[in-house]
Amino acid sequence: MSAAILSALLNLLILAGFPFLIYFVYHWWRKQRSTGEIAQRAGLRLGKLEFAGYGLAAALVVVFALVVWPPPLEPMTREGSAQRAFAGLGFGVRSIFLALLYGVIKTGFAEEFLFRGLIAGSLSRRLPILWANLLQALIFLLPHMLLLWIMPELWGLLLLIFGFALFAGWLRIRSGSILGPWLIHAVVNVTTCLSVAIRTTG
């Protein structure tokens, strides 16, 4: 449990903390912007709530899809897979806590803050929205291509990840917030982890 918490904190620091520190110092020192303005530019605000609603609706659709068509277990429990840690845990307080820690904090917030909050937000202020969204989605896809080393037979996941990144980028740019993308990302990862935990008990 403590190792999972430490891992989540380190991921948060590397993907969100350090990049935001650089972003903050640049805007505070070079652009003379206030802390509140910098946070808003990074997507740390509620934004237009209708887009958070779109994110929640998409998240519920994903939960339904994952329940009806759960991902195959063997690749998910392979060495190197993030979901391997959930194998055999079942549905209980421990698995729920670990899934929330992983899905909401370690990946959901950390990745959305970096890719949608900082990268998509910055690109959308410099490029036409279509190109900004496409570029941030490609940048998001690059590190996720490592999935091919662990589960090459699930290459189709990369298409889903790219599609998600486009939708999440659209939500971020239109709403000015990372809330909608964060909701979807967190729900997908939490549901996937719990699906593995539940289906590997026996």
N, C-alpha and C. Protein backbone atom coordinates (compact mmCIF):
# COMPACT_ATOMS: atom_id res chain seq x y z
N MET A 1 0.83 -1.21 0.00
CA MET A 1 0.00 0.00 0.00
C MET A 1 0.86 1.26 0.00
N SER A 2 1.88 1.28 0.87
CA SER A 2 2.74 2.46 0.96
C SER A 2 3.55 2.64 -0.34
N ALA A 3 3.93 1.52 -0.97
CA ALA A 3 4.67 1.60 -2.24
C ALA A 3 3.79 2.21 -3.32
N ALA A 4 2.51 1.86 -3.34
CA ALA A 4 1.58 2.41 -4.33
C ALA A 4 1.39 3.91 -4.11
N ILE A 5 1.31 4.32 -2.86
CA ILE A 5 1.14 5.74 -2.55
C ILE A 5 2.39 6.52 -2.98
N LEU A 6 3.56 5.97 -2.67
CA LEU A 6 4.81 6.61 -3.05
C LEU A 6 4.93 6.71 -4.58
N SER A 7 4.56 5.65 -5.27
CA SER A 7 4.61 5.63 -6.73
C SER A 7 3.68 6.70 -7.32
N ALA A 8 2.49 6.83 -6.74
CA ALA A 8 1.53 7.83 -7.22
C ALA A 8 2.07 9.24 -6.99
N LEU A 9 2.67 9.47 -5.83
CA LEU A 9 3.22 10.80 -5.52
C LEU A 9 4.38 11.15 -6.45
N LEU A 10 5.24 10.17 -6.71
CA LEU A 10 6.37 10.40 -7.62
C LEU A 10 5.89 10.72 -9.03
N ASN A 11 4.89 9.97 -9.49
CA ASN A 11 4.33 10.21 -10.81
C ASN A 11 3.71 11.60 -10.89
N LEU A 12 3.02 11.98 -9.83
CA LEU A 12 2.40 13.30 -9.76
C LEU A 12 3.45 14.39 -9.80
N LEU A 13 4.54 14.17 -9.09
CA LEU A 13 5.62 15.15 -9.04
C LEU A 13 6.30 15.29 -10.41
N ILE A 14 6.57 14.15 -11.05
CA ILE A 14 7.29 14.16 -12.33
C ILE A 14 6.42 14.70 -13.47
N LEU A 15 5.17 14.22 -13.56
CA LEU A 15 4.32 14.61 -14.68
C LEU A 15 3.60 15.94 -14.48
N ALA A 16 3.33 16.30 -13.24
CA ALA A 16 2.57 17.53 -12.99
C ALA A 16 3.38 18.57 -12.23
N GLY A 17 4.03 18.17 -11.15
CA GLY A 17 4.72 19.12 -10.28
C GLY A 17 5.86 19.88 -10.94
N PHE A 18 6.82 19.16 -11.48
CA PHE A 18 7.98 19.81 -12.11
C PHE A 18 7.59 20.63 -13.34
N PRO A 19 6.76 20.07 -14.25
CA PRO A 19 6.36 20.88 -15.41
C PRO A 19 5.61 22.15 -14.99
N PHE A 20 4.75 22.04 -13.97
CA PHE A 20 4.01 23.22 -13.55
C PHE A 20 4.93 24.25 -12.90
N LEU A 21 5.94 23.80 -12.19
CA LEU A 21 6.89 24.73 -11.58
C LEU A 21 7.58 25.55 -12.67
N ILE A 22 8.03 24.88 -13.73
CA ILE A 22 8.67 25.59 -14.84
C ILE A 22 7.68 26.54 -15.50
N TYR A 23 6.46 26.06 -15.74
CA TYR A 23 5.40 26.86 -16.35
C TYR A 23 5.09 28.08 -15.48
N PHE A 24 4.98 27.84 -14.18
CA PHE A 24 4.65 28.91 -13.23
C PHE A 24 5.74 29.98 -13.21
N VAL A 25 6.99 29.56 -13.08
CA VAL A 25 8.09 30.51 -13.01
C VAL A 25 8.17 31.34 -14.28
N TYR A 26 7.98 30.69 -15.44
CA TYR A 26 8.02 31.42 -16.71
C TYR A 26 6.95 32.51 -16.76
N HIS A 27 5.71 32.13 -16.44
CA HIS A 27 4.61 33.09 -16.54
C HIS A 27 4.65 34.15 -15.43
N TRP A 28 5.14 33.78 -14.28
CA TRP A 28 5.20 34.73 -13.15
C TRP A 28 6.34 35.72 -13.34
N TRP A 29 7.48 35.20 -13.78
CA TRP A 29 8.67 36.05 -13.90
C TRP A 29 8.71 36.80 -15.23
N ARG A 30 8.49 36.06 -16.34
CA ARG A 30 8.60 36.69 -17.66
C ARG A 30 7.35 37.46 -18.06
N LYS A 31 6.18 36.92 -17.73
CA LYS A 31 4.93 37.53 -18.19
C LYS A 31 4.22 38.34 -17.10
N GLN A 32 4.75 38.31 -15.89
CA GLN A 32 4.18 39.07 -14.77
C GLN A 32 2.71 38.71 -14.51
N ARG A 33 2.39 37.44 -14.62
CA ARG A 33 1.02 37.00 -14.38
C ARG A 33 0.83 36.59 -12.92
N SER A 34 -0.39 36.72 -12.43
CA SER A 34 -0.70 36.35 -11.05
C SER A 34 -0.82 34.84 -10.92
N THR A 35 -0.76 34.35 -9.69
CA THR A 35 -0.89 32.91 -9.43
C THR A 35 -2.23 32.39 -9.94
N GLY A 36 -3.29 33.15 -9.68
CA GLY A 36 -4.62 32.73 -10.13
C GLY A 36 -4.72 32.65 -11.64
N GLU A 37 -4.15 33.62 -12.32
CA GLU A 37 -4.18 33.62 -13.78
C GLU A 37 -3.39 32.46 -14.35
N ILE A 38 -2.25 32.17 -13.74
CA ILE A 38 -1.42 31.06 -14.21
C ILE A 38 -2.16 29.73 -14.03
N ALA A 39 -2.80 29.57 -12.88
CA ALA A 39 -3.56 28.34 -12.61
C ALA A 39 -4.70 28.18 -13.62
N GLN A 40 -5.39 29.28 -13.93
CA GLN A 40 -6.49 29.21 -14.89
C GLN A 40 -5.99 28.86 -16.29
N ARG A 41 -4.86 29.44 -16.68
CA ARG A 41 -4.29 29.13 -17.99
C ARG A 41 -3.88 27.66 -18.09
N ALA A 42 -3.53 27.07 -16.94
CA ALA A 42 -3.14 25.65 -16.91
C ALA A 42 -4.35 24.72 -16.81
N GLY A 43 -5.55 25.28 -16.82
CA GLY A 43 -6.76 24.45 -16.78
C GLY A 43 -7.26 24.11 -15.41
N LEU A 44 -6.67 24.72 -14.37
CA LEU A 44 -7.10 24.44 -12.99
C LEU A 44 -8.25 25.36 -12.59
N ARG A 45 -9.39 25.10 -13.19
CA ARG A 45 -10.61 25.85 -12.90
C ARG A 45 -11.79 25.01 -13.34
N LEU A 46 -13.00 25.42 -12.93
CA LEU A 46 -14.19 24.67 -13.32
C LEU A 46 -14.48 24.83 -14.80
N GLY A 47 -14.26 26.00 -15.33
CA GLY A 47 -14.54 26.24 -16.74
C GLY A 47 -16.03 26.16 -17.03
N LYS A 48 -16.37 25.93 -18.28
CA LYS A 48 -17.77 25.81 -18.69
C LYS A 48 -18.28 24.43 -18.28
N LEU A 49 -19.21 24.40 -17.34
CA LEU A 49 -19.63 23.15 -16.73
C LEU A 49 -20.33 22.20 -17.69
N GLU A 50 -20.91 22.72 -18.78
CA GLU A 50 -21.56 21.82 -19.73
C GLU A 50 -20.56 20.82 -20.30
N PHE A 51 -19.29 21.25 -20.43
CA PHE A 51 -18.27 20.36 -20.98
C PHE A 51 -17.84 19.30 -19.96
N ALA A 52 -17.91 19.65 -18.67
CA ALA A 52 -17.68 18.64 -17.63
C ALA A 52 -18.79 17.60 -17.71
N GLY A 53 -20.00 18.06 -18.02
CA GLY A 53 -21.13 17.14 -18.20
C GLY A 53 -20.90 16.20 -19.38
N TYR A 54 -20.34 16.73 -20.47
CA TYR A 54 -20.01 15.87 -21.61
C TYR A 54 -18.98 14.82 -21.19
N GLY A 55 -18.02 15.26 -20.38
CA GLY A 55 -17.00 14.33 -19.90
C GLY A 55 -17.59 13.24 -19.04
N LEU A 56 -18.51 13.62 -18.15
CA LEU A 56 -19.16 12.64 -17.27
C LEU A 56 -20.00 11.67 -18.08
N ALA A 57 -20.73 12.18 -19.07
CA ALA A 57 -21.54 11.31 -19.92
C ALA A 57 -20.67 10.31 -20.67
N ALA A 58 -19.54 10.79 -21.20
CA ALA A 58 -18.61 9.90 -21.92
C ALA A 58 -18.04 8.86 -20.97
N ALA A 59 -17.75 9.27 -19.74
CA ALA A 59 -17.20 8.34 -18.74
C ALA A 59 -18.20 7.23 -18.44
N LEU A 60 -19.48 7.56 -18.33
CA LEU A 60 -20.51 6.55 -18.06
C LEU A 60 -20.66 5.59 -19.23
N VAL A 61 -20.54 6.10 -20.44
CA VAL A 61 -20.60 5.22 -21.62
C VAL A 61 -19.44 4.24 -21.60
N VAL A 62 -18.26 4.74 -21.22
CA VAL A 62 -17.07 3.88 -21.16
C VAL A 62 -17.24 2.80 -20.10
N VAL A 63 -17.77 3.17 -18.93
CA VAL A 63 -18.01 2.18 -17.88
C VAL A 63 -18.94 1.08 -18.40
N PHE A 64 -20.01 1.47 -19.04
CA PHE A 64 -20.95 0.49 -19.61
C PHE A 64 -20.23 -0.43 -20.60
N ALA A 65 -19.42 0.17 -21.48
CA ALA A 65 -18.70 -0.62 -22.49
C ALA A 65 -17.73 -1.60 -21.84
N LEU A 66 -17.02 -1.15 -20.80
CA LEU A 66 -16.05 -2.02 -20.13
C LEU A 66 -16.71 -3.14 -19.34
N VAL A 67 -17.92 -2.90 -18.86
CA VAL A 67 -18.66 -3.94 -18.15
C VAL A 67 -19.20 -4.98 -19.14
N VAL A 68 -19.73 -4.50 -20.26
CA VAL A 68 -20.30 -5.41 -21.26
C VAL A 68 -19.21 -6.13 -22.06
N TRP A 69 -18.17 -5.39 -22.43
CA TRP A 69 -17.05 -5.96 -23.19
C TRP A 69 -15.75 -5.73 -22.44
N PRO A 70 -15.51 -6.49 -21.37
CA PRO A 70 -14.28 -6.27 -20.59
C PRO A 70 -13.03 -6.63 -21.39
N PRO A 71 -11.93 -5.92 -21.13
CA PRO A 71 -10.68 -6.21 -21.85
C PRO A 71 -10.17 -7.61 -21.49
N PRO A 72 -9.44 -8.25 -22.40
CA PRO A 72 -8.92 -9.59 -22.11
C PRO A 72 -7.97 -9.57 -20.92
N LEU A 73 -8.07 -10.59 -20.09
CA LEU A 73 -7.29 -10.63 -18.85
C LEU A 73 -5.81 -10.90 -19.06
N GLU A 74 -5.49 -11.82 -19.94
CA GLU A 74 -4.09 -12.26 -20.05
C GLU A 74 -3.13 -11.10 -20.33
N PRO A 75 -3.39 -10.25 -21.31
CA PRO A 75 -2.46 -9.13 -21.54
C PRO A 75 -2.42 -8.15 -20.37
N MET A 76 -3.56 -7.99 -19.70
CA MET A 76 -3.64 -7.03 -18.59
C MET A 76 -2.88 -7.50 -17.35
N THR A 77 -2.65 -8.80 -17.25
CA THR A 77 -1.95 -9.32 -16.08
C THR A 77 -0.51 -9.73 -16.40
N ARG A 78 -0.04 -9.34 -17.55
CA ARG A 78 1.32 -9.63 -17.98
C ARG A 78 2.32 -8.77 -17.23
N GLU A 79 3.54 -9.25 -17.13
CA GLU A 79 4.63 -8.47 -16.53
C GLU A 79 4.78 -7.15 -17.28
N GLY A 80 4.80 -6.07 -16.53
CA GLY A 80 4.93 -4.75 -17.13
C GLY A 80 3.63 -3.99 -17.25
N SER A 81 2.51 -4.70 -17.15
CA SER A 81 1.20 -4.05 -17.23
C SER A 81 0.88 -3.40 -15.89
N ALA A 82 0.33 -2.18 -15.94
CA ALA A 82 -0.03 -1.47 -14.71
C ALA A 82 -1.15 -2.18 -13.96
N GLN A 83 -1.99 -2.91 -14.69
CA GLN A 83 -3.13 -3.59 -14.06
C GLN A 83 -2.74 -4.90 -13.39
N ARG A 84 -1.52 -5.36 -13.63
CA ARG A 84 -1.06 -6.61 -13.03
C ARG A 84 -1.15 -6.58 -11.51
N ALA A 85 -0.91 -5.41 -10.92
CA ALA A 85 -0.94 -5.26 -9.46
C ALA A 85 -2.33 -5.52 -8.89
N PHE A 86 -3.36 -5.51 -9.73
CA PHE A 86 -4.72 -5.69 -9.25
C PHE A 86 -5.20 -7.14 -9.35
N ALA A 87 -4.40 -7.98 -9.99
CA ALA A 87 -4.78 -9.38 -10.17
C ALA A 87 -4.97 -10.07 -8.82
N GLY A 88 -6.12 -10.68 -8.63
CA GLY A 88 -6.40 -11.44 -7.43
C GLY A 88 -6.88 -10.63 -6.23
N LEU A 89 -6.99 -9.33 -6.37
CA LEU A 89 -7.39 -8.51 -5.22
C LEU A 89 -8.88 -8.61 -4.90
N GLY A 90 -9.69 -8.92 -5.91
CA GLY A 90 -11.13 -8.95 -5.68
C GLY A 90 -11.69 -7.54 -5.52
N PHE A 91 -12.97 -7.49 -5.17
CA PHE A 91 -13.63 -6.19 -4.99
C PHE A 91 -13.76 -5.90 -3.51
N GLY A 92 -12.93 -4.98 -3.03
CA GLY A 92 -12.95 -4.64 -1.60
C GLY A 92 -12.33 -3.28 -1.37
N VAL A 93 -12.17 -2.94 -0.11
CA VAL A 93 -11.65 -1.62 0.26
C VAL A 93 -10.26 -1.40 -0.32
N ARG A 94 -9.41 -2.43 -0.23
CA ARG A 94 -8.03 -2.29 -0.73
C ARG A 94 -7.99 -2.05 -2.24
N SER A 95 -8.72 -2.87 -2.99
CA SER A 95 -8.69 -2.73 -4.46
C SER A 95 -9.32 -1.41 -4.89
N ILE A 96 -10.39 -0.99 -4.22
CA ILE A 96 -11.03 0.29 -4.56
C ILE A 96 -10.08 1.45 -4.28
N PHE A 97 -9.43 1.42 -3.11
CA PHE A 97 -8.49 2.50 -2.76
C PHE A 97 -7.34 2.57 -3.77
N LEU A 98 -6.76 1.40 -4.09
CA LEU A 98 -5.64 1.37 -5.02
C LEU A 98 -6.05 1.79 -6.43
N ALA A 99 -7.26 1.39 -6.84
CA ALA A 99 -7.76 1.78 -8.16
C ALA A 99 -7.99 3.29 -8.23
N LEU A 100 -8.54 3.87 -7.16
CA LEU A 100 -8.75 5.33 -7.12
C LEU A 100 -7.41 6.06 -7.11
N LEU A 101 -6.47 5.55 -6.34
CA LEU A 101 -5.14 6.16 -6.28
C LEU A 101 -4.48 6.15 -7.66
N TYR A 102 -4.57 5.01 -8.32
CA TYR A 102 -3.96 4.87 -9.65
C TYR A 102 -4.73 5.69 -10.70
N GLY A 103 -6.04 5.50 -10.75
CA GLY A 103 -6.83 6.11 -11.81
C GLY A 103 -7.07 7.59 -11.67
N VAL A 104 -7.33 8.04 -10.44
CA VAL A 104 -7.68 9.44 -10.23
C VAL A 104 -6.45 10.33 -10.09
N ILE A 105 -5.45 9.85 -9.33
CA ILE A 105 -4.28 10.68 -9.03
C ILE A 105 -3.08 10.36 -9.93
N LYS A 106 -2.62 9.13 -9.87
CA LYS A 106 -1.36 8.77 -10.55
C LYS A 106 -1.41 8.96 -12.05
N THR A 107 -2.49 8.53 -12.68
CA THR A 107 -2.59 8.68 -14.13
C THR A 107 -3.59 9.76 -14.52
N GLY A 108 -4.80 9.71 -13.96
CA GLY A 108 -5.84 10.66 -14.35
C GLY A 108 -5.42 12.11 -14.22
N PHE A 109 -5.13 12.55 -13.01
CA PHE A 109 -4.79 13.96 -12.83
C PHE A 109 -3.42 14.29 -13.42
N ALA A 110 -2.43 13.47 -13.11
CA ALA A 110 -1.06 13.78 -13.55
C ALA A 110 -0.97 13.91 -15.07
N GLU A 111 -1.55 12.96 -15.79
CA GLU A 111 -1.47 12.99 -17.25
C GLU A 111 -2.35 14.08 -17.85
N GLU A 112 -3.55 14.26 -17.31
CA GLU A 112 -4.43 15.30 -17.85
C GLU A 112 -3.87 16.69 -17.60
N PHE A 113 -3.26 16.90 -16.45
CA PHE A 113 -2.68 18.21 -16.16
C PHE A 113 -1.54 18.52 -17.13
N LEU A 114 -0.69 17.52 -17.37
CA LEU A 114 0.44 17.74 -18.28
C LEU A 114 -0.03 17.88 -19.74
N PHE A 115 -0.75 16.86 -20.23
CA PHE A 115 -1.07 16.82 -21.65
C PHE A 115 -2.20 17.77 -22.05
N ARG A 116 -3.24 17.84 -21.24
CA ARG A 116 -4.35 18.73 -21.59
C ARG A 116 -4.18 20.11 -20.93
N GLY A 117 -3.84 20.13 -19.65
CA GLY A 117 -3.72 21.42 -18.97
C GLY A 117 -2.62 22.29 -19.52
N LEU A 118 -1.40 21.76 -19.54
CA LEU A 118 -0.25 22.56 -19.97
C LEU A 118 -0.04 22.53 -21.48
N ILE A 119 0.02 21.33 -22.05
CA ILE A 119 0.37 21.22 -23.48
C ILE A 119 -0.78 21.67 -24.39
N ALA A 120 -1.97 21.08 -24.21
CA ALA A 120 -3.10 21.46 -25.08
C ALA A 120 -3.46 22.93 -24.88
N GLY A 121 -3.42 23.39 -23.63
CA GLY A 121 -3.74 24.79 -23.36
C GLY A 121 -2.77 25.73 -24.05
N SER A 122 -1.49 25.44 -23.95
CA SER A 122 -0.47 26.29 -24.58
C SER A 122 -0.58 26.25 -26.11
N LEU A 123 -0.77 25.06 -26.66
CA LEU A 123 -0.88 24.94 -28.12
C LEU A 123 -2.10 25.68 -28.65
N SER A 124 -3.21 25.62 -27.91
CA SER A 124 -4.44 26.25 -28.39
C SER A 124 -4.36 27.76 -28.41
N ARG A 125 -3.40 28.32 -27.69
CA ARG A 125 -3.21 29.77 -27.71
C ARG A 125 -2.24 30.19 -28.81
N ARG A 126 -1.61 29.23 -29.47
CA ARG A 126 -0.62 29.54 -30.49
C ARG A 126 -1.00 29.03 -31.89
N LEU A 127 -1.88 28.04 -31.94
CA LEU A 127 -2.24 27.41 -33.21
C LEU A 127 -3.76 27.42 -33.39
N PRO A 128 -4.23 27.25 -34.63
CA PRO A 128 -5.67 27.04 -34.82
C PRO A 128 -6.10 25.83 -34.00
N ILE A 129 -7.32 25.86 -33.50
CA ILE A 129 -7.79 24.82 -32.58
C ILE A 129 -7.63 23.41 -33.15
N LEU A 130 -7.97 23.23 -34.42
CA LEU A 130 -7.88 21.91 -35.03
C LEU A 130 -6.46 21.35 -34.96
N TRP A 131 -5.47 22.18 -35.31
CA TRP A 131 -4.08 21.74 -35.31
C TRP A 131 -3.56 21.56 -33.89
N ALA A 132 -3.97 22.44 -32.99
CA ALA A 132 -3.55 22.32 -31.59
C ALA A 132 -4.05 21.01 -30.99
N ASN A 133 -5.31 20.68 -31.28
CA ASN A 133 -5.89 19.46 -30.74
C ASN A 133 -5.23 18.22 -31.33
N LEU A 134 -5.00 18.24 -32.63
CA LEU A 134 -4.35 17.10 -33.28
C LEU A 134 -2.94 16.89 -32.74
N LEU A 135 -2.20 17.96 -32.56
CA LEU A 135 -0.82 17.86 -32.08
C LEU A 135 -0.76 17.35 -30.66
N GLN A 136 -1.63 17.87 -29.77
CA GLN A 136 -1.59 17.40 -28.38
C GLN A 136 -1.99 15.93 -28.29
N ALA A 137 -2.91 15.48 -29.18
CA ALA A 137 -3.31 14.07 -29.18
C ALA A 137 -2.15 13.17 -29.62
N LEU A 138 -1.39 13.63 -30.61
CA LEU A 138 -0.23 12.86 -31.07
C LEU A 138 0.84 12.80 -29.98
N ILE A 139 1.05 13.90 -29.29
CA ILE A 139 2.03 13.93 -28.19
C ILE A 139 1.60 12.97 -27.08
N PHE A 140 0.30 12.93 -26.79
CA PHE A 140 -0.23 12.02 -25.77
C PHE A 140 -0.06 10.57 -26.19
N LEU A 141 -0.22 10.31 -27.48
CA LEU A 141 -0.14 8.95 -27.99
C LEU A 141 1.27 8.37 -27.89
N LEU A 142 2.28 9.21 -28.09
CA LEU A 142 3.67 8.72 -28.15
C LEU A 142 4.08 7.86 -26.97
N PRO A 143 3.98 8.33 -25.72
CA PRO A 143 4.40 7.46 -24.61
C PRO A 143 3.51 6.24 -24.45
N HIS A 144 2.25 6.33 -24.89
CA HIS A 144 1.35 5.18 -24.77
C HIS A 144 1.66 4.09 -25.79
N MET A 145 2.50 4.38 -26.77
CA MET A 145 2.90 3.36 -27.73
C MET A 145 3.76 2.27 -27.09
N LEU A 146 4.25 2.54 -25.87
CA LEU A 146 4.99 1.52 -25.12
C LEU A 146 4.11 0.31 -24.81
N LEU A 147 2.78 0.50 -24.89
CA LEU A 147 1.87 -0.64 -24.70
C LEU A 147 2.17 -1.77 -25.67
N LEU A 148 2.70 -1.43 -26.84
CA LEU A 148 3.00 -2.44 -27.84
C LEU A 148 4.07 -3.42 -27.39
N TRP A 149 4.94 -2.98 -26.46
CA TRP A 149 5.96 -3.87 -25.92
C TRP A 149 5.37 -4.89 -24.96
N ILE A 150 4.30 -4.49 -24.27
CA ILE A 150 3.71 -5.35 -23.25
C ILE A 150 2.58 -6.20 -23.82
N MET A 151 1.72 -5.57 -24.62
CA MET A 151 0.56 -6.26 -25.16
C MET A 151 0.37 -5.92 -26.64
N PRO A 152 1.27 -6.41 -27.51
CA PRO A 152 1.21 -6.05 -28.94
C PRO A 152 -0.09 -6.45 -29.62
N GLU A 153 -0.74 -7.50 -29.12
CA GLU A 153 -1.98 -7.94 -29.75
C GLU A 153 -3.13 -6.94 -29.54
N LEU A 154 -2.95 -6.04 -28.59
CA LEU A 154 -3.99 -5.04 -28.32
C LEU A 154 -3.63 -3.69 -28.96
N TRP A 155 -3.04 -3.74 -30.15
CA TRP A 155 -2.63 -2.51 -30.83
C TRP A 155 -3.83 -1.59 -31.09
N GLY A 156 -5.01 -2.17 -31.18
CA GLY A 156 -6.22 -1.37 -31.40
C GLY A 156 -6.48 -0.38 -30.27
N LEU A 157 -5.92 -0.66 -29.09
CA LEU A 157 -6.06 0.27 -27.97
C LEU A 157 -5.47 1.64 -28.30
N LEU A 158 -4.44 1.64 -29.14
CA LEU A 158 -3.81 2.91 -29.50
C LEU A 158 -4.78 3.80 -30.27
N LEU A 159 -5.64 3.20 -31.08
CA LEU A 159 -6.67 3.98 -31.79
C LEU A 159 -7.65 4.58 -30.80
N LEU A 160 -8.03 3.79 -29.79
CA LEU A 160 -8.94 4.29 -28.76
C LEU A 160 -8.29 5.40 -27.95
N ILE A 161 -7.00 5.22 -27.63
CA ILE A 161 -6.27 6.24 -26.86
C ILE A 161 -6.18 7.53 -27.65
N PHE A 162 -5.92 7.42 -28.95
CA PHE A 162 -5.83 8.61 -29.79
C PHE A 162 -7.19 9.31 -29.89
N GLY A 163 -8.24 8.50 -30.05
CA GLY A 163 -9.59 9.06 -30.09
C GLY A 163 -9.95 9.76 -28.79
N PHE A 164 -9.59 9.11 -27.68
CA PHE A 164 -9.82 9.74 -26.37
C PHE A 164 -9.08 11.06 -26.26
N ALA A 165 -7.82 11.07 -26.71
CA ALA A 165 -7.00 12.28 -26.61
C ALA A 165 -7.60 13.43 -27.42
N LEU A 166 -8.17 13.12 -28.58
CA LEU A 166 -8.82 14.16 -29.39
C LEU A 166 -10.04 14.71 -28.68
N PHE A 167 -10.85 13.81 -28.12
CA PHE A 167 -12.06 14.25 -27.41
C PHE A 167 -11.69 15.04 -26.16
N ALA A 168 -10.71 14.53 -25.41
CA ALA A 168 -10.27 15.20 -24.19
C ALA A 168 -9.68 16.58 -24.50
N GLY A 169 -8.93 16.66 -25.59
CA GLY A 169 -8.37 17.94 -26.00
C GLY A 169 -9.45 18.94 -26.38
N TRP A 170 -10.46 18.45 -27.10
CA TRP A 170 -11.59 19.30 -27.46
C TRP A 170 -12.29 19.83 -26.21
N LEU A 171 -12.53 18.94 -25.24
CA LEU A 171 -13.16 19.36 -23.99
C LEU A 171 -12.33 20.42 -23.28
N ARG A 172 -11.03 20.19 -23.21
CA ARG A 172 -10.13 21.13 -22.52
C ARG A 172 -10.12 22.50 -23.20
N ILE A 173 -10.00 22.49 -24.50
CA ILE A 173 -9.90 23.76 -25.23
C ILE A 173 -11.21 24.53 -25.17
N ARG A 174 -12.33 23.83 -25.33
CA ARG A 174 -13.63 24.51 -25.34
C ARG A 174 -14.04 24.98 -23.94
N SER A 175 -13.68 24.21 -22.92
CA SER A 175 -14.12 24.55 -21.56
C SER A 175 -13.12 25.42 -20.80
N GLY A 176 -11.84 25.34 -21.20
CA GLY A 176 -10.79 26.03 -20.46
C GLY A 176 -10.37 25.30 -19.20
N SER A 177 -10.84 24.05 -19.03
CA SER A 177 -10.60 23.28 -17.80
C SER A 177 -10.18 21.86 -18.12
N ILE A 178 -9.47 21.25 -17.18
CA ILE A 178 -9.11 19.83 -17.34
C ILE A 178 -10.13 18.91 -16.67
N LEU A 179 -11.19 19.48 -16.09
CA LEU A 179 -12.13 18.68 -15.32
C LEU A 179 -12.78 17.58 -16.14
N GLY A 180 -13.31 17.92 -17.32
CA GLY A 180 -13.97 16.90 -18.16
C GLY A 180 -13.03 15.78 -18.57
N PRO A 181 -11.86 16.12 -19.13
CA PRO A 181 -10.90 15.07 -19.49
C PRO A 181 -10.46 14.23 -18.29
N TRP A 182 -10.28 14.88 -17.15
CA TRP A 182 -9.87 14.17 -15.94
C TRP A 182 -10.93 13.16 -15.52
N LEU A 183 -12.19 13.53 -15.59
CA LEU A 183 -13.28 12.62 -15.24
C LEU A 183 -13.23 11.35 -16.09
N ILE A 184 -13.11 11.54 -17.41
CA ILE A 184 -13.10 10.37 -18.30
C ILE A 184 -11.88 9.50 -18.03
N HIS A 185 -10.71 10.11 -17.98
CA HIS A 185 -9.45 9.38 -17.79
C HIS A 185 -9.49 8.58 -16.49
N ALA A 186 -9.94 9.23 -15.42
CA ALA A 186 -9.99 8.57 -14.12
C ALA A 186 -10.95 7.40 -14.13
N VAL A 187 -12.14 7.60 -14.68
CA VAL A 187 -13.16 6.55 -14.70
C VAL A 187 -12.71 5.34 -15.52
N VAL A 188 -12.10 5.60 -16.67
CA VAL A 188 -11.61 4.50 -17.51
C VAL A 188 -10.57 3.67 -16.76
N ASN A 189 -9.60 4.34 -16.15
CA ASN A 189 -8.53 3.61 -15.47
C ASN A 189 -9.01 2.90 -14.21
N VAL A 190 -9.86 3.55 -13.44
CA VAL A 190 -10.40 2.91 -12.22
C VAL A 190 -11.22 1.68 -12.60
N THR A 191 -12.08 1.82 -13.60
CA THR A 191 -12.93 0.70 -14.01
C THR A 191 -12.11 -0.46 -14.55
N THR A 192 -11.08 -0.16 -15.33
CA THR A 192 -10.22 -1.22 -15.88
C THR A 192 -9.51 -1.98 -14.76
N CYS A 193 -8.97 -1.24 -13.80
CA CYS A 193 -8.26 -1.88 -12.68
C CYS A 193 -9.19 -2.76 -11.86
N LEU A 194 -10.38 -2.26 -11.56
CA LEU A 194 -11.34 -3.04 -10.77
C LEU A 194 -11.84 -4.24 -11.55
N SER A 195 -11.96 -4.10 -12.87
CA SER A 195 -12.37 -5.22 -13.71
C SER A 195 -11.36 -6.36 -13.60
N VAL A 196 -10.08 -6.02 -13.64
CA VAL A 196 -9.01 -7.03 -13.50
C VAL A 196 -9.06 -7.63 -12.09
N ALA A 197 -9.21 -6.79 -11.08
CA ALA A 197 -9.23 -7.28 -9.68
C ALA A 197 -10.38 -8.27 -9.47
N ILE A 198 -11.54 -7.94 -9.99
CA ILE A 198 -12.72 -8.79 -9.78
C ILE A 198 -12.64 -10.09 -10.57
N ARG A 199 -12.18 -10.01 -11.82
CA ARG A 199 -12.19 -11.18 -12.70
C ARG A 199 -11.04 -12.15 -12.47
N THR A 200 -10.09 -11.77 -11.63
CA THR A 200 -8.95 -12.67 -11.37
C THR A 200 -9.05 -13.33 -10.00
N THR A 201 -10.19 -13.20 -9.34
CA THR A 201 -10.37 -13.92 -8.07
C THR A 201 -11.13 -15.20 -8.36
N GLY A 202 -10.80 -16.21 -7.61
CA GLY A 202 -11.51 -17.44 -7.88
C GLY A 202 -11.24 -18.46 -6.96
